[in-house]
N, C-alpha and C. Protein backbone atom coordinates (compact mmCIF):
# COMPACT_ATOMS: atom_id res chain seq x y z
N MET A 1 105.92 94.61 92.83
CA MET A 1 105.93 94.97 94.24
C MET A 1 107.20 94.40 94.87
N ILE A 2 107.85 95.18 95.66
CA ILE A 2 109.10 94.72 96.25
C ILE A 2 108.85 94.04 97.60
N LYS A 3 109.79 93.23 97.98
CA LYS A 3 109.67 92.44 99.20
C LYS A 3 109.43 93.32 100.43
N LYS A 4 110.10 94.45 100.50
CA LYS A 4 109.93 95.35 101.65
C LYS A 4 108.47 95.80 101.77
N GLN A 5 107.85 96.16 100.66
CA GLN A 5 106.46 96.61 100.67
C GLN A 5 105.52 95.49 101.09
N ILE A 6 105.80 94.27 100.64
CA ILE A 6 104.97 93.13 101.04
C ILE A 6 105.05 92.96 102.55
N GLY A 7 106.25 93.08 103.11
CA GLY A 7 106.42 92.98 104.56
C GLY A 7 105.68 94.07 105.31
N GLU A 8 105.73 95.28 104.78
CA GLU A 8 105.00 96.39 105.42
C GLU A 8 103.50 96.15 105.36
N ASN A 9 103.01 95.67 104.23
CA ASN A 9 101.59 95.37 104.10
C ASN A 9 101.18 94.24 105.04
N ALA A 10 102.07 93.27 105.22
CA ALA A 10 101.79 92.18 106.17
C ALA A 10 101.60 92.75 107.57
N GLY A 11 102.40 93.74 107.93
CA GLY A 11 102.24 94.39 109.24
C GLY A 11 100.91 95.11 109.35
N ILE A 12 100.49 95.76 108.30
CA ILE A 12 99.19 96.46 108.29
C ILE A 12 98.07 95.44 108.50
N ILE A 13 98.14 94.33 107.79
CA ILE A 13 97.11 93.30 107.91
C ILE A 13 97.15 92.67 109.29
N TRP A 14 98.34 92.40 109.81
CA TRP A 14 98.45 91.80 111.14
C TRP A 14 97.78 92.70 112.19
N ARG A 15 98.04 94.00 112.11
CA ARG A 15 97.43 94.92 113.08
C ARG A 15 95.91 94.95 112.94
N ALA A 16 95.41 94.92 111.71
CA ALA A 16 93.96 94.91 111.49
C ALA A 16 93.33 93.64 112.06
N LEU A 17 93.96 92.50 111.82
CA LEU A 17 93.44 91.25 112.36
C LEU A 17 93.57 91.19 113.88
N ASN A 18 94.59 91.81 114.41
CA ASN A 18 94.76 91.84 115.86
C ASN A 18 93.62 92.60 116.53
N GLU A 19 93.08 93.60 115.84
CA GLU A 19 91.95 94.38 116.39
C GLU A 19 90.62 93.67 116.22
N LYS A 20 90.39 93.08 115.04
CA LYS A 20 89.07 92.51 114.73
C LYS A 20 89.01 91.00 114.87
N HIS A 21 90.14 90.34 115.06
CA HIS A 21 90.25 88.89 115.29
C HIS A 21 90.03 88.02 114.07
N GLU A 22 89.08 88.34 113.21
CA GLU A 22 88.92 87.58 111.98
C GLU A 22 88.26 88.45 110.93
N MET A 23 88.67 88.26 109.69
CA MET A 23 88.11 89.04 108.59
C MET A 23 88.20 88.23 107.31
N GLY A 24 87.39 88.63 106.34
CA GLY A 24 87.48 88.12 104.99
C GLY A 24 88.29 89.08 104.14
N ILE A 25 88.55 88.69 102.93
CA ILE A 25 89.35 89.51 102.02
C ILE A 25 88.70 90.88 101.78
N LEU A 26 87.39 90.89 101.54
CA LEU A 26 86.72 92.17 101.27
C LEU A 26 86.80 93.10 102.47
N GLU A 27 86.69 92.56 103.68
CA GLU A 27 86.83 93.38 104.88
C GLU A 27 88.25 93.93 105.00
N LEU A 28 89.23 93.10 104.68
CA LEU A 28 90.62 93.57 104.74
C LEU A 28 90.85 94.70 103.75
N ILE A 29 90.28 94.60 102.56
CA ILE A 29 90.40 95.68 101.58
C ILE A 29 89.81 96.96 102.15
N GLU A 30 88.65 96.86 102.74
CA GLU A 30 87.96 98.03 103.28
C GLU A 30 88.73 98.65 104.44
N VAL A 31 89.21 97.83 105.34
CA VAL A 31 89.86 98.32 106.56
C VAL A 31 91.27 98.84 106.29
N THR A 32 92.02 98.13 105.46
CA THR A 32 93.43 98.49 105.26
C THR A 32 93.65 99.44 104.08
N HIS A 33 92.67 99.54 103.19
CA HIS A 33 92.79 100.35 101.98
C HIS A 33 93.89 99.85 101.04
N LEU A 34 94.25 98.56 101.19
CA LEU A 34 95.20 97.94 100.28
C LEU A 34 94.45 97.34 99.10
N LYS A 35 95.16 97.15 98.00
CA LYS A 35 94.58 96.49 96.84
C LYS A 35 94.53 94.98 97.09
N LYS A 36 93.64 94.31 96.37
CA LYS A 36 93.48 92.86 96.57
C LYS A 36 94.81 92.13 96.39
N ASN A 37 95.56 92.45 95.34
CA ASN A 37 96.85 91.79 95.12
C ASN A 37 97.82 92.04 96.26
N GLU A 38 97.82 93.25 96.79
CA GLU A 38 98.71 93.56 97.91
C GLU A 38 98.34 92.72 99.13
N ILE A 39 97.06 92.55 99.36
CA ILE A 39 96.59 91.74 100.48
C ILE A 39 96.98 90.27 100.28
N LEU A 40 96.79 89.77 99.08
CA LEU A 40 97.10 88.36 98.83
C LEU A 40 98.59 88.08 99.00
N PHE A 41 99.44 88.97 98.49
CA PHE A 41 100.89 88.79 98.68
C PHE A 41 101.24 88.81 100.18
N ALA A 42 100.67 89.77 100.90
CA ALA A 42 100.97 89.90 102.33
C ALA A 42 100.43 88.72 103.12
N LEU A 43 99.28 88.19 102.74
CA LEU A 43 98.75 87.01 103.42
C LEU A 43 99.64 85.79 103.17
N GLY A 44 100.22 85.71 101.99
CA GLY A 44 101.19 84.65 101.71
C GLY A 44 102.38 84.75 102.64
N TRP A 45 102.85 85.97 102.83
CA TRP A 45 103.98 86.24 103.74
C TRP A 45 103.61 85.80 105.15
N LEU A 46 102.45 86.26 105.63
CA LEU A 46 102.01 85.92 106.99
C LEU A 46 101.79 84.42 107.16
N SER A 47 101.28 83.78 106.13
CA SER A 47 101.07 82.34 106.17
C SER A 47 102.40 81.60 106.26
N LYS A 48 103.37 82.01 105.46
CA LYS A 48 104.69 81.40 105.48
C LYS A 48 105.34 81.55 106.85
N GLU A 49 105.08 82.67 107.51
CA GLU A 49 105.62 82.93 108.85
C GLU A 49 104.78 82.28 109.95
N ASN A 50 103.74 81.54 109.55
CA ASN A 50 102.85 80.84 110.48
C ASN A 50 102.16 81.82 111.45
N LYS A 51 101.73 82.96 110.90
CA LYS A 51 101.07 84.00 111.70
C LYS A 51 99.55 84.00 111.52
N VAL A 52 99.05 83.41 110.43
CA VAL A 52 97.61 83.41 110.16
C VAL A 52 97.15 82.01 109.76
N TYR A 53 95.86 81.79 109.94
CA TYR A 53 95.25 80.59 109.36
C TYR A 53 93.96 80.99 108.68
N PHE A 54 93.52 80.12 107.79
CA PHE A 54 92.38 80.40 106.94
C PHE A 54 91.32 79.32 107.18
N PHE A 55 90.07 79.72 107.14
CA PHE A 55 88.97 78.75 107.23
C PHE A 55 87.79 79.28 106.42
N GLU A 56 86.91 78.36 106.05
CA GLU A 56 85.75 78.74 105.25
C GLU A 56 84.54 78.88 106.17
N ASN A 57 83.81 79.97 106.00
CA ASN A 57 82.64 80.26 106.83
C ASN A 57 81.56 80.84 105.92
N GLU A 58 80.49 80.10 105.72
CA GLU A 58 79.37 80.57 104.91
C GLU A 58 79.81 81.07 103.53
N LYS A 59 80.47 80.22 102.77
CA LYS A 59 80.89 80.50 101.39
C LYS A 59 81.99 81.55 101.27
N GLU A 60 82.67 81.86 102.34
CA GLU A 60 83.71 82.88 102.31
C GLU A 60 84.91 82.38 103.11
N TYR A 61 86.10 82.67 102.62
CA TYR A 61 87.29 82.37 103.39
C TYR A 61 87.52 83.48 104.40
N ARG A 62 87.84 83.07 105.62
CA ARG A 62 88.12 84.02 106.70
C ARG A 62 89.56 83.83 107.13
N ILE A 63 90.12 84.87 107.69
CA ILE A 63 91.52 84.86 108.12
C ILE A 63 91.57 85.26 109.58
N CYS A 64 92.37 84.53 110.35
CA CYS A 64 92.59 84.82 111.77
C CYS A 64 94.08 84.78 112.06
N LEU A 65 94.47 85.44 113.12
CA LEU A 65 95.85 85.32 113.59
C LEU A 65 96.01 84.02 114.36
N ILE A 66 97.18 83.45 114.28
CA ILE A 66 97.53 82.29 115.11
C ILE A 66 98.10 82.84 116.38
N GLU A 67 97.51 82.47 117.49
CA GLU A 67 97.99 82.95 118.78
C GLU A 67 99.08 82.01 119.28
N ASN A 68 100.22 82.61 119.64
CA ASN A 68 101.35 81.80 120.13
C ASN A 68 101.37 81.75 121.62
């Protein structure tokens, strides 16, 4: 996967989280129609850019946007 595609996928995930506020990986797969690996790469990108944070909720990791 090329860097440009990871960035584009990060945008897709950012928009999905902006609408729903928090999601788990399985929800992101369902909503974005991206593959798990694509989501994980893009979440790494968003995390490095300090755009998302992760927390555990009832045996599942959840992802939220960091509001600036």
